[in-house]
Each structure stands twice: as structure tokens, then as C-alpha cells.
Amino acid sequence: KEVTMRAASRVVPKIVKRIGQPLPGTHKYLFGGEDELTPGVLKSEYQKRRERFFEAMPDDGVAVLFGAPENIMTNDIPNRFRQNSDFYYLTGFQEPDAVAIFQKTPSKNKFLLLLRPLDPQKRIWDGDRAGLSAATDIFGADESYDSDKHLAPILTSIFQKNTSNSNWIIDTSNTHPKFTQESLIPFLYQHFPDPSSRDFLSPRDIIEKLRLRKSDAEVSIMKKSSEFSAHAFHRAMNASKGGGVSQWSIEAELEYNVKKFGAQRLAYPPVVASGNNNNILHYVNNDDILQPGELVLCDAGSELYNYSTDITRVWPVSGKFTPAQKTVYEHVLNIQKEVIRHVKTGTTQDELQKLSVQETVKSLISLGVLDKSKSIRWHMDNRGYRKYYPHRIGHWLGMDVHDTQSVSSGEILSGGEVITVEPGIYLDSEFDEVPEEFRGIGIRIEDDVLVKKEGGYEVLTWQTVKEVE
């Protein structure tokens, strides 16, 4: 019978057959070996991540990190669960309603995992759970507790031993609704003066710095996800030929194929635009019919073991670009290639953005969209280009599509980062100043690029075709 608390030092490990998420013993085909905790990532890597997190914490620090709650689609019907990325990065644990507490002391660092206990009745409806023993035996926690019963008492007990107000690390903007109301808020108001106006150090700021630079294992997963996405894009391209098919059927083609090849899901709601809708950056209605002569703009990617791919491609429904479409497309493709050539350690995303603006202004002048009597510098300073290129050149990529958002785009690239490079030119049909032959054309081309530690770059999404011929 499972007890409320288990200490790793006092537990005799036992075989856990099924715990609600894949393990090497139950899903051998997903793993490379018995020493992996999640597919492709060793138990020792998760341990090293926690060690690095402890190192970044202040002395005598206490960090409280909430996993994701169960997400309900309607009434009592849940969506398929996806764990909070920061929580997953440190624990590898895939169940809802979990809390991780990290306690740093001079003598020993302690990792506590609070989770749902085993429940035979719930198992009938929802399947297996990990249970408290798996938290210590499998996931490496020093102690495990029932999250429903013991969060508040544990926080109070830790506070009584360590009353410093300056070393508690709590992400009050990314909490669990149930635990926040029942445990966290009462605890904060009991022990901290005016906590509503207090800026706690956020674990997110520490963890996202750790997540920014990818390990070899993470890069391998992202490469495999990119491969799956390439297969899906190529099948979507074939399915759209000739027109007369719906955008949502192309979306279905993408989702079916990434899952068929092994991904868990699409990484985000895909954009499957056509015609003038290509000029809507986040067009996700996908409810139109592809027409001959139009371009399809598709922004999609798979998610494999919680790592995302982000690709955008544009192709002609009829199978061949018109001269005007080809002209704009090749401008954007050349801009992308020029920016990718400059991806290297020592630079920043901000510098790549400036380069993309410079090259886009050149193209807009060449296309007759911007006044050729003005200099490139004049157009850059006056920012008129933003009507036709309103977004940045890219973003961090990893567990989340728009990853590690607390990390500045001015961060110097040092190797191991993955960024997107996605220039675009959008010439809406209502832009009367645009030469008529180009109106209604919207082009964005996006690839995922690894900054290599030894110098240079690697395009992870190279398998998805983008050349005109």
C-alpha cells in the first residue's frame, strides 16, 4: 500500500509496469536504451538539468514550480494533456496536477515531487498513474507527496526553517488554478507582507536560460521532428495540386502525416492560407477553397516528445508560379539565404533582424513598392517597410514554438541555440501603391537553424523543399 510520503534513501526500488507515460520497459520501441527517462533523453541529463538549476538559484533558495493542470475541452471531457515546458524540462514528468519544489541548502539540495496518488477508481476512467513511489524510484525525486493534501503544509514547514523573504522563487503568473486558490495564496498572505505587490524571482527566468542552449539529445529530437514535418509538407503539397480542395483538408493532411511518422501532435494551429489570405500573418481559420492560380502559404510543424518544429513554405496551387509570383518568391528566398549565411556565434537575433530589414528594403525598392529615389538607409530609418514586412526575422525555438520568451533577442549567440529565420513580403490586394501585378501576393519562407558551437550553422529543416525548380 502506498504511503503519503516516501524518501528515496528509504525506498527499495520496485518494478513499475505502466505508469501513464512511456518507459523503456513498457514502450521499448520509443527508446534508445534502459537509461533514458523520456524518449531520447537520459535520466542523467534530467539530473544535470536540476543540478544546473540549483546552481543558478540563490543560496538557501526555495523554488516552487507548478506543472500544467488538466485542460478541459467541454464539461468533463479533457483535452489530451501536455505538460508545462519548464516543469517537463526539469522532471520529465507527464501528469497533470503536479508540483516540484527545489530546496537549496548548504548541506544538500533537495528535489520534492508532489503528484496525484494512485487511485483504483480513477484508473478505471483515466488509466494508469505514476504514483508516489515512481516519483522517487523513476523520476529521481528525494521525496514525494500527495499534491492535494500536502502542498500547503510542506511550504509552511520549509518557510519555518528558512524565513528569508528574498530567496523564494515562485512564478505567480504561471500557476495551477486549484493549487493557487487552496494552497499558494493562503501561504503567501500568511508569510509574506503584501504579496500581491511583491515581485518574486521567477523560476521561468532561470529555467529558460538553461533551455536556450540545446543538448545533443535535444538537437537529435528536433532533427527527427523536422524530418517528420518534411514528409507532411510534401504530402500536403501533392494533395493541393490543381485546386478545388479545402484548406482544412490540407491541415488534415499535415496532422495525419506528422502523427503517422511518429510525432505526438502539430506544434501549433497551422496556417493554411491561400490567395490574399497569405497576407494575414496568423490566418488559422483554414476554411476556404484553394483556387487554381493562387499560392498556398503553409506555416506548420510537428511536435515530437515536447520539441517543436516551425516551417513555412509557399507553393503554387497550379504547380507553377506565375512570373509575378516567382519574382516576389525569389526575392524572399534570397533574403532568407543571406540572413542564414550570417547565423553564427557572436552575433544576435537583433543583428540578423537589421540585416533582414536591409535586404527586404532592397527588394521592395526593386519591386517598385518603395520609392527608389530614397536611399536604403532612409527607408530603414522611416520604417515604411513595416507595412510589407511587419514581423521580426525569427524567434527562439525548442520545447515551445515561441520558446524562452524571457530571453532577449539581444542575447549573444554562443552555440546550441535554435532560431527560426523567416523573412516575408506581404503585398495585400488593397495596397494601391503596389504595382498591380504583385497585389495579393504574400510570401514567407521559414526554416529552423541550429547555431553550432564550433562555428557556423545547420539548417534543421533542410529536407522541406523550397527551391523554385
Protein backbone atom coordinates (compact mmCIF):
# COMPACT_ATOMS: atom_id res chain seq x y z
CA LYS A 1 0.00 0.00 0.00
CA GLU A 2 1.29 3.42 -0.96
CA VAL A 3 2.13 5.85 1.81
CA THR A 4 1.76 9.61 1.82
CA MET A 5 5.47 10.42 1.74
CA ARG A 6 8.43 8.40 0.53
CA ALA A 7 12.09 9.30 0.93
CA ALA A 8 14.42 8.00 -1.78
CA SER A 9 17.01 6.92 0.78
CA ARG A 10 14.48 4.59 2.42
CA VAL A 11 12.80 3.15 -0.67
CA VAL A 12 13.54 -0.27 -2.10
CA PRO A 13 13.03 0.19 -5.87
CA LYS A 14 10.32 -1.89 -7.41
CA ILE A 15 9.36 -2.65 -10.98
CA VAL A 16 6.68 -0.32 -12.30
CA LYS A 17 5.00 -1.86 -15.31
CA ARG A 18 2.84 1.02 -16.54
CA ILE A 19 2.74 4.49 -15.05
CA GLY A 20 0.70 6.50 -17.54
CA GLN A 21 3.63 7.64 -19.70
CA PRO A 22 6.11 5.68 -21.82
CA LEU A 23 9.05 3.96 -20.16
CA PRO A 24 11.75 1.75 -21.71
CA GLY A 25 10.15 -1.29 -20.12
CA THR A 26 6.67 -0.64 -21.50
CA HIS A 27 7.36 1.21 -24.77
CA LYS A 28 10.72 -0.18 -25.82
CA TYR A 29 10.24 0.85 -29.46
CA LEU A 30 10.32 4.55 -28.46
CA PHE A 31 13.59 4.41 -26.53
CA GLY A 32 17.23 4.01 -27.33
CA GLY A 33 18.08 2.29 -24.05
CA GLU A 34 17.07 1.50 -20.47
CA ASP A 35 18.92 4.57 -19.19
CA GLU A 36 16.53 7.01 -20.88
CA LEU A 37 13.77 8.61 -18.83
CA THR A 38 11.88 10.05 -21.78
CA PRO A 39 12.43 9.07 -25.42
CA GLY A 40 15.87 10.26 -26.48
CA VAL A 41 16.84 11.86 -23.15
CA LEU A 42 18.83 10.09 -20.44
CA LYS A 43 17.86 10.10 -16.76
CA SER A 44 21.31 11.57 -16.11
CA GLU A 45 20.54 14.53 -18.38
CA TYR A 46 17.48 15.40 -16.29
CA GLN A 47 19.65 15.13 -13.18
CA LYS A 48 22.23 17.50 -14.71
CA ARG A 49 19.46 19.96 -15.62
CA ARG A 50 18.33 20.03 -11.99
CA GLU A 51 21.91 20.47 -10.82
CA ARG A 52 22.32 23.47 -13.13
CA PHE A 53 19.03 24.87 -11.86
CA PHE A 54 20.21 24.53 -8.25
CA GLU A 55 23.50 26.24 -9.16
CA ALA A 56 21.59 29.21 -10.59
CA MET A 57 19.35 29.54 -7.52
CA PRO A 58 20.35 31.92 -4.69
CA ASP A 59 21.84 30.42 -1.53
CA ASP A 60 19.15 28.87 0.68
CA GLY A 61 16.71 29.33 -2.19
CA VAL A 62 13.35 27.63 -2.46
CA ALA A 63 11.75 27.26 -5.90
CA VAL A 64 8.14 26.23 -6.42
CA LEU A 65 7.26 25.07 -9.92
CA PHE A 66 3.75 24.07 -10.99
CA GLY A 67 3.00 21.52 -13.65
CA ALA A 68 0.09 22.05 -16.00
CA PRO A 69 -3.46 21.34 -14.85
CA GLU A 70 -5.78 19.06 -16.74
CA ASN A 71 -7.25 21.05 -19.63
CA ILE A 72 -10.97 20.57 -20.18
CA MET A 73 -12.39 20.83 -23.68
CA THR A 74 -16.05 20.87 -22.64
CA ASN A 75 -17.86 19.87 -19.44
CA ASP A 76 -15.98 16.80 -18.19
CA ILE A 77 -14.23 15.93 -21.47
CA PRO A 78 -10.47 16.60 -21.22
CA ASN A 79 -8.13 17.60 -23.98
CA ARG A 80 -5.06 15.45 -24.44
CA PHE A 81 -2.59 16.54 -21.79
CA ARG A 82 0.60 18.49 -22.48
CA GLN A 83 2.96 19.29 -19.65
CA ASN A 84 4.25 22.77 -18.84
CA SER A 85 7.58 23.02 -20.68
CA ASP A 86 9.67 24.29 -17.76
CA PHE A 87 8.29 21.58 -15.50
CA TYR A 88 8.92 18.87 -18.08
CA TYR A 89 12.47 20.14 -18.72
CA LEU A 90 13.46 19.55 -15.08
CA THR A 91 11.40 16.45 -14.29
CA GLY A 92 10.36 14.54 -17.44
CA PHE A 93 7.04 14.01 -15.67
CA GLN A 94 3.94 13.94 -17.87
CA GLU A 95 0.96 14.01 -15.49
CA PRO A 96 -1.30 16.93 -14.57
CA ASP A 97 -1.68 18.35 -11.06
CA ALA A 98 1.99 18.04 -10.09
CA VAL A 99 4.25 20.42 -8.18
CA ALA A 100 8.03 20.38 -7.94
CA ILE A 101 9.82 22.04 -5.03
CA PHE A 102 13.57 22.66 -5.14
CA GLN A 103 15.22 23.42 -1.82
CA LYS A 104 18.84 24.58 -1.85
CA THR A 105 20.78 24.26 1.40
CA PRO A 106 24.50 24.27 2.26
CA SER A 107 24.39 20.59 3.18
CA LYS A 108 22.17 19.13 0.45
CA ASN A 109 19.93 20.16 -2.41
CA LYS A 110 16.51 18.55 -2.23
CA PHE A 111 14.02 17.85 -5.03
CA LEU A 112 10.46 17.19 -3.92
CA LEU A 113 7.78 15.99 -6.33
CA LEU A 114 4.13 16.33 -5.36
CA LEU A 115 1.67 14.42 -7.50
CA ARG A 116 -1.61 12.55 -7.54
CA PRO A 117 -1.59 9.30 -5.55
CA LEU A 118 -2.72 6.03 -7.06
CA ASP A 119 -6.50 5.76 -7.24
CA PRO A 120 -8.10 2.46 -8.35
CA GLN A 121 -11.41 4.16 -9.19
CA LYS A 122 -9.77 6.88 -11.27
CA ARG A 123 -7.70 4.23 -13.03
CA ILE A 124 -10.90 2.74 -14.47
CA TRP A 125 -11.68 6.02 -16.22
CA ASP A 126 -8.31 7.64 -16.87
CA GLY A 127 -5.76 4.84 -16.92
CA ASP A 128 -2.52 4.35 -15.02
CA ARG A 129 -0.79 6.96 -12.92
CA ALA A 130 2.80 7.12 -11.77
CA GLY A 131 2.08 7.23 -8.05
CA LEU A 132 4.27 8.40 -5.22
CA SER A 133 6.76 5.54 -5.40
CA ALA A 134 7.53 6.22 -9.08
CA ALA A 135 8.37 9.84 -8.24
CA THR A 136 11.38 8.66 -6.26
CA ASP A 137 12.18 5.36 -7.96
CA ILE A 138 11.88 6.55 -11.56
CA PHE A 139 11.91 10.35 -11.68
CA GLY A 140 14.68 10.90 -9.15
CA ALA A 141 12.82 12.91 -6.52
CA ASP A 142 14.26 12.86 -3.00
CA GLU A 143 10.77 12.84 -1.52
CA SER A 144 7.26 12.54 -2.90
CA TYR A 145 3.92 13.66 -1.53
CA ASP A 146 0.23 13.81 -2.33
CA SER A 147 -0.20 17.18 -4.09
CA ASP A 148 -3.79 17.61 -2.92
CA LYS A 149 -3.06 17.16 0.78
CA HIS A 150 0.46 18.32 1.42
CA LEU A 151 1.42 21.37 -0.64
CA ALA A 152 0.49 23.98 1.95
CA PRO A 153 1.95 22.08 4.94
CA ILE A 154 5.21 21.49 3.10
CA LEU A 155 5.54 25.15 2.09
CA THR A 156 4.86 26.20 5.68
CA SER A 157 7.37 23.71 7.05
CA ILE A 158 10.07 24.92 4.67
CA PHE A 159 9.32 28.56 5.49
CA GLN A 160 9.64 27.93 9.22
CA LYS A 161 13.14 26.59 8.64
CA ASN A 162 14.07 29.33 6.16
CA THR A 163 12.27 32.61 6.78
CA SER A 164 14.19 34.80 4.33
CA ASN A 165 11.75 36.64 2.09
CA SER A 166 14.32 37.22 -0.63
CA ASN A 167 15.10 33.69 -1.76
CA TRP A 168 11.68 32.25 -2.62
CA ILE A 169 11.32 31.59 -6.33
CA ILE A 170 7.67 31.43 -7.41
CA ASP A 171 6.19 32.08 -10.82
CA THR A 172 2.97 33.77 -9.73
CA SER A 173 1.99 34.35 -13.38
CA ASN A 174 2.12 30.66 -14.31
CA THR A 175 0.40 28.80 -11.52
CA HIS A 176 -2.08 25.98 -11.14
CA PRO A 177 -5.65 27.33 -10.56
CA LYS A 178 -6.59 24.76 -7.92
CA PHE A 179 -3.31 24.83 -6.01
CA THR A 180 -3.13 28.61 -6.23
CA GLN A 181 -6.51 29.13 -4.58
CA GLU A 182 -6.26 26.36 -2.00
CA SER A 183 -2.59 26.44 -1.03
CA LEU A 184 -0.36 29.09 -2.59
CA ILE A 185 -2.38 32.26 -1.95
CA PRO A 186 -3.16 31.42 1.70
CA PHE A 187 0.51 30.56 2.25
CA LEU A 188 1.77 33.77 0.65
CA TYR A 189 -0.61 36.04 2.59
CA GLN A 190 0.24 34.29 5.83
CA HIS A 191 4.01 34.56 5.48
CA PHE A 192 4.83 37.47 3.13
CA PRO A 193 3.91 41.14 3.65
CA ASP A 194 1.66 42.36 0.81
CA PRO A 195 2.47 39.52 -1.61
CA SER A 196 0.17 40.92 -4.32
CA SER A 197 2.60 43.80 -4.88
CA ARG A 198 5.73 41.72 -4.50
CA ASP A 199 7.90 40.69 -7.42
CA PHE A 200 9.09 37.18 -6.66
CA LEU A 201 12.05 35.86 -8.59
CA SER A 202 10.53 33.65 -11.27
CA PRO A 203 11.81 30.12 -11.94
CA ARG A 204 10.97 30.79 -15.56
CA ASP A 205 13.77 33.34 -15.84
CA ILE A 206 16.30 30.78 -14.63
CA ILE A 207 14.98 27.73 -16.48
CA GLU A 208 14.58 29.46 -19.84
CA LYS A 209 18.24 30.45 -19.75
CA LEU A 210 19.03 26.76 -19.29
CA ARG A 211 16.61 25.69 -22.01
CA LEU A 212 18.01 28.18 -24.52
CA ARG A 213 21.05 26.12 -25.46
CA LYS A 214 20.20 22.62 -26.58
CA SER A 215 22.00 19.41 -25.72
CA ASP A 216 22.93 16.87 -28.37
CA ALA A 217 19.92 14.79 -27.32
CA GLU A 218 17.56 17.71 -27.78
CA VAL A 219 19.01 18.55 -31.19
CA SER A 220 18.56 14.92 -32.27
CA ILE A 221 14.87 15.03 -31.35
CA MET A 222 14.41 18.33 -33.19
CA LYS A 223 16.09 16.89 -36.29
CA LYS A 224 13.75 13.91 -36.24
CA SER A 225 10.75 16.22 -35.81
CA SER A 226 11.96 18.27 -38.79
CA GLU A 227 12.14 15.09 -40.86
CA PHE A 228 8.56 14.16 -39.97
CA SER A 229 7.42 17.69 -40.84
CA ALA A 230 9.12 17.50 -44.23
CA HIS A 231 7.20 14.33 -45.11
CA ALA A 232 3.95 16.00 -44.07
CA PHE A 233 4.64 19.16 -46.10
CA HIS A 234 5.44 17.19 -49.23
CA ARG A 235 2.21 15.23 -48.95
CA ALA A 236 0.28 18.44 -48.36
CA MET A 237 1.83 19.95 -51.49
CA ASN A 238 0.80 16.94 -53.54
CA ALA A 239 -2.73 16.99 -52.11
CA SER A 240 -3.25 20.63 -53.13
CA LYS A 241 -2.33 20.27 -56.79
CA GLY A 242 -4.89 21.66 -59.19
CA GLY A 243 -7.02 23.33 -56.55
CA GLY A 244 -10.61 22.63 -55.66
CA VAL A 245 -9.63 21.20 -52.27
CA SER A 246 -10.24 22.85 -48.93
CA GLN A 247 -7.66 24.46 -46.71
CA TRP A 248 -8.87 22.30 -43.83
CA SER A 249 -8.18 19.16 -45.85
CA ILE A 250 -4.57 20.34 -46.22
CA GLU A 251 -4.48 20.91 -42.46
CA ALA A 252 -5.76 17.34 -42.01
CA GLU A 253 -3.06 16.07 -44.37
CA LEU A 254 -0.41 17.77 -42.23
CA GLU A 255 -1.75 16.46 -38.94
CA TYR A 256 -2.28 12.93 -40.22
CA ASN A 257 1.22 12.65 -41.61
CA VAL A 258 3.18 14.07 -38.68
CA LYS A 259 1.35 11.61 -36.43
CA LYS A 260 1.75 8.77 -38.90
CA PHE A 261 5.53 9.24 -38.85
CA GLY A 262 5.66 9.36 -35.05
CA ALA A 263 5.02 12.88 -33.76
CA GLN A 264 2.53 13.38 -30.95
CA ARG A 265 0.81 16.41 -32.45
CA LEU A 266 1.18 19.52 -34.55
CA ALA A 267 3.24 22.03 -32.58
CA TYR A 268 0.64 24.80 -33.03
CA PRO A 269 -2.54 25.51 -35.00
CA PRO A 270 -1.30 25.54 -38.59
CA VAL A 271 -1.70 28.36 -41.07
CA VAL A 272 -3.04 27.06 -44.38
CA ALA A 273 -3.72 30.26 -46.30
CA SER A 274 -4.27 30.90 -49.98
CA GLY A 275 -4.83 33.91 -52.20
CA ASN A 276 -4.92 37.22 -50.37
CA ASN A 277 -5.21 35.42 -47.03
CA ASN A 278 -1.46 34.82 -47.34
CA ASN A 279 -1.10 38.39 -46.13
CA ILE A 280 -2.74 37.57 -42.77
CA LEU A 281 0.16 36.52 -40.56
CA HIS A 282 -1.76 34.21 -38.23
CA TYR A 283 -4.55 33.06 -40.50
CA VAL A 284 -5.80 29.86 -38.85
CA ASN A 285 -9.44 29.69 -39.97
CA ASN A 286 -8.38 27.43 -42.84
CA ASP A 287 -11.94 27.46 -44.18
CA ASP A 288 -11.51 28.47 -47.84
CA ILE A 289 -11.12 26.50 -51.06
CA LEU A 290 -7.81 26.52 -52.93
CA GLN A 291 -8.22 28.04 -56.40
CA PRO A 292 -6.04 27.47 -59.47
CA GLY A 293 -3.56 30.33 -59.93
CA GLU A 294 -3.34 31.02 -56.18
CA LEU A 295 -0.41 30.47 -53.87
CA VAL A 296 -0.67 28.39 -50.70
CA LEU A 297 1.16 29.72 -47.64
CA CYS A 298 1.52 26.98 -45.04
CA ASP A 299 3.05 27.58 -41.61
CA ALA A 300 3.15 24.33 -39.61
CA GLY A 301 5.36 21.84 -37.84
CA SER A 302 5.29 18.73 -35.71
CA GLU A 303 5.92 18.33 -32.01
CA LEU A 304 7.99 15.30 -31.05
CA TYR A 305 8.47 14.46 -27.37
CA ASN A 306 7.68 18.08 -26.46
CA TYR A 307 10.09 19.64 -29.00
CA SER A 308 8.71 21.81 -31.80
CA THR A 309 9.39 22.31 -35.47
CA ASP A 310 8.32 25.55 -37.19
CA ILE A 311 8.32 25.68 -41.01
CA THR A 312 6.70 27.98 -43.55
CA ARG A 313 6.53 27.19 -47.24
CA VAL A 314 4.70 28.76 -50.18
CA TRP A 315 3.78 26.89 -53.34
CA PRO A 316 1.50 27.40 -56.36
CA VAL A 317 -1.80 25.52 -56.45
CA SER A 318 -1.39 25.00 -60.18
CA GLY A 319 2.09 23.56 -59.79
CA LYS A 320 3.87 26.50 -61.43
CA PHE A 321 4.49 30.09 -60.33
CA THR A 322 3.31 32.96 -62.48
CA PRO A 323 6.13 35.35 -63.41
CA ALA A 324 4.99 37.86 -60.77
CA GLN A 325 4.67 35.21 -58.07
CA LYS A 326 8.08 33.82 -58.92
CA THR A 327 9.67 37.26 -58.77
CA VAL A 328 8.42 38.00 -55.25
CA TYR A 329 9.14 34.45 -54.06
CA GLU A 330 12.74 34.56 -55.22
CA HIS A 331 13.26 37.91 -53.51
CA VAL A 332 12.13 36.43 -50.19
CA LEU A 333 14.15 33.24 -50.71
CA ASN A 334 17.30 35.27 -51.41
CA ILE A 335 16.70 37.37 -48.30
CA GLN A 336 16.40 34.21 -46.23
CA LYS A 337 19.56 32.69 -47.65
CA GLU A 338 21.50 35.89 -46.98
CA VAL A 339 20.35 36.03 -43.36
CA ILE A 340 21.05 32.33 -42.76
CA ARG A 341 24.61 32.83 -44.06
CA HIS A 342 25.15 35.26 -41.19
CA VAL A 343 23.95 32.92 -38.41
CA LYS A 344 26.97 32.23 -36.21
CA THR A 345 28.26 32.51 -32.69
CA GLY A 346 28.96 36.07 -31.59
CA THR A 347 26.01 37.62 -33.38
CA THR A 348 22.48 38.29 -32.10
CA GLN A 349 18.95 37.98 -33.40
CA ASP A 350 18.76 41.77 -33.34
CA GLU A 351 21.67 41.97 -35.77
CA LEU A 352 20.01 39.40 -38.01
CA GLN A 353 16.83 41.48 -37.88
CA LYS A 354 18.70 44.57 -39.09
CA LEU A 355 20.17 42.58 -41.94
CA SER A 356 16.74 41.22 -42.90
CA VAL A 357 15.30 44.74 -42.94
CA GLN A 358 18.14 45.99 -45.13
CA GLU A 359 17.69 43.15 -47.63
CA THR A 360 13.89 43.48 -47.59
CA VAL A 361 14.09 47.21 -48.30
CA LYS A 362 16.36 46.47 -51.28
CA SER A 363 13.77 44.02 -52.59
CA LEU A 364 10.83 46.36 -52.04
CA ILE A 365 12.65 49.07 -53.98
CA SER A 366 13.42 46.61 -56.77
CA LEU A 367 9.75 45.53 -56.89
CA GLY A 368 8.64 49.15 -57.22
CA VAL A 369 6.87 49.12 -53.86
CA LEU A 370 9.17 51.63 -52.13
CA ASP A 371 10.40 54.89 -53.63
CA LYS A 372 13.65 54.19 -55.47
CA SER A 373 14.67 57.87 -55.24
CA LYS A 374 15.20 57.40 -51.48
CA SER A 375 18.20 55.56 -50.03
CA ILE A 376 18.04 52.20 -48.31
CA ARG A 377 19.06 53.88 -45.05
CA TRP A 378 16.26 56.45 -45.42
CA HIS A 379 13.66 53.71 -45.82
CA MET A 380 15.08 51.77 -42.87
CA ASP A 381 15.02 54.83 -40.62
CA ASN A 382 11.49 55.84 -41.65
CA ARG A 383 10.20 52.28 -41.23
CA GLY A 384 7.81 52.41 -44.16
CA TYR A 385 8.87 48.85 -44.94
CA ARG A 386 6.89 47.62 -41.93
CA LYS A 387 3.66 47.81 -43.92
CA TYR A 388 5.04 44.98 -46.07
CA TYR A 389 7.30 43.23 -43.52
CA PRO A 390 5.64 43.72 -40.11
CA HIS A 391 7.29 40.95 -38.09
CA ARG A 392 10.76 40.04 -36.90
CA ILE A 393 13.14 37.72 -38.71
CA GLY A 394 12.66 34.95 -36.19
CA HIS A 395 12.47 33.69 -32.62
CA TRP A 396 13.91 31.10 -30.28
CA LEU A 397 12.69 27.55 -30.86
CA GLY A 398 12.62 24.49 -28.63
CA MET A 399 10.01 22.98 -26.35
CA ASP A 400 7.70 25.85 -27.22
CA VAL A 401 7.27 27.29 -30.69
CA HIS A 402 7.91 30.81 -29.42
CA ASP A 403 10.45 29.50 -26.97
CA THR A 404 12.23 31.01 -23.95
CA GLN A 405 10.46 34.34 -24.30
CA SER A 406 12.15 35.80 -21.23
CA VAL A 407 15.48 35.69 -23.10
CA SER A 408 16.24 38.88 -25.03
CA SER A 409 16.68 38.90 -28.79
CA GLY A 410 19.88 40.79 -27.98
CA GLU A 411 21.36 37.66 -26.37
CA ILE A 412 24.71 36.86 -27.98
CA LEU A 413 24.59 33.50 -29.76
CA SER A 414 27.18 31.16 -28.27
CA GLY A 415 26.20 27.83 -29.81
CA GLY A 416 23.42 25.35 -29.12
CA GLU A 417 20.57 27.78 -29.73
CA VAL A 418 17.91 27.04 -32.33
CA ILE A 419 16.30 30.02 -34.05
CA THR A 420 13.87 30.47 -36.89
CA VAL A 421 14.73 32.53 -39.95
CA GLU A 422 11.50 33.66 -41.61
CA PRO A 423 11.57 36.75 -43.84
CA GLY A 424 8.39 37.76 -45.57
CA ILE A 425 6.93 40.24 -48.04
CA TYR A 426 3.17 40.86 -47.89
CA LEU A 427 1.55 42.80 -50.71
CA ASP A 428 -2.13 42.91 -49.83
CA SER A 429 -4.59 43.27 -52.71
CA GLU A 430 -5.82 46.52 -51.17
CA PHE A 431 -2.40 48.20 -51.29
CA ASP A 432 -2.95 50.53 -54.24
CA GLU A 433 0.64 51.77 -54.21
CA VAL A 434 1.91 48.26 -55.04
CA PRO A 435 2.37 47.51 -58.76
CA GLU A 436 -0.80 45.77 -59.89
CA GLU A 437 0.94 42.56 -60.98
CA PHE A 438 2.16 41.98 -57.41
CA ARG A 439 -1.02 42.81 -55.50
CA GLY A 440 -2.41 39.96 -53.43
CA ILE A 441 0.90 38.09 -53.23
CA GLY A 442 2.11 37.17 -49.75
CA ILE A 443 5.32 35.19 -49.24
CA ARG A 444 7.02 33.92 -46.09
CA ILE A 445 9.73 31.26 -46.03
CA GLU A 446 10.81 29.83 -42.67
CA ASP A 447 13.45 27.37 -41.55
CA ASP A 448 14.81 26.23 -38.19
CA VAL A 449 18.53 26.89 -37.79
CA LEU A 450 20.92 25.50 -35.18
CA VAL A 451 23.79 27.73 -34.11
CA LYS A 452 26.76 25.38 -33.99
CA LYS A 453 29.16 25.62 -31.07
CA GLU A 454 32.14 25.00 -33.34
CA GLY A 455 31.03 27.85 -35.62
CA GLY A 456 28.56 28.28 -38.43
CA TYR A 457 25.06 26.89 -38.58
CA GLU A 458 22.96 23.89 -39.57
CA VAL A 459 19.53 24.16 -41.15
CA LEU A 460 17.47 21.51 -39.36
CA THR A 461 14.55 21.77 -41.78
CA TRP A 462 16.57 21.37 -44.97
CA GLN A 463 14.51 18.39 -46.14
CA THR A 464 11.40 20.50 -46.81
CA VAL A 465 11.71 21.73 -50.40
CA LYS A 466 11.78 25.46 -51.10
CA GLU A 467 13.65 25.95 -54.38
CA VAL A 468 11.52 27.09 -57.34
CA GLU A 469 12.90 24.46 -59.70
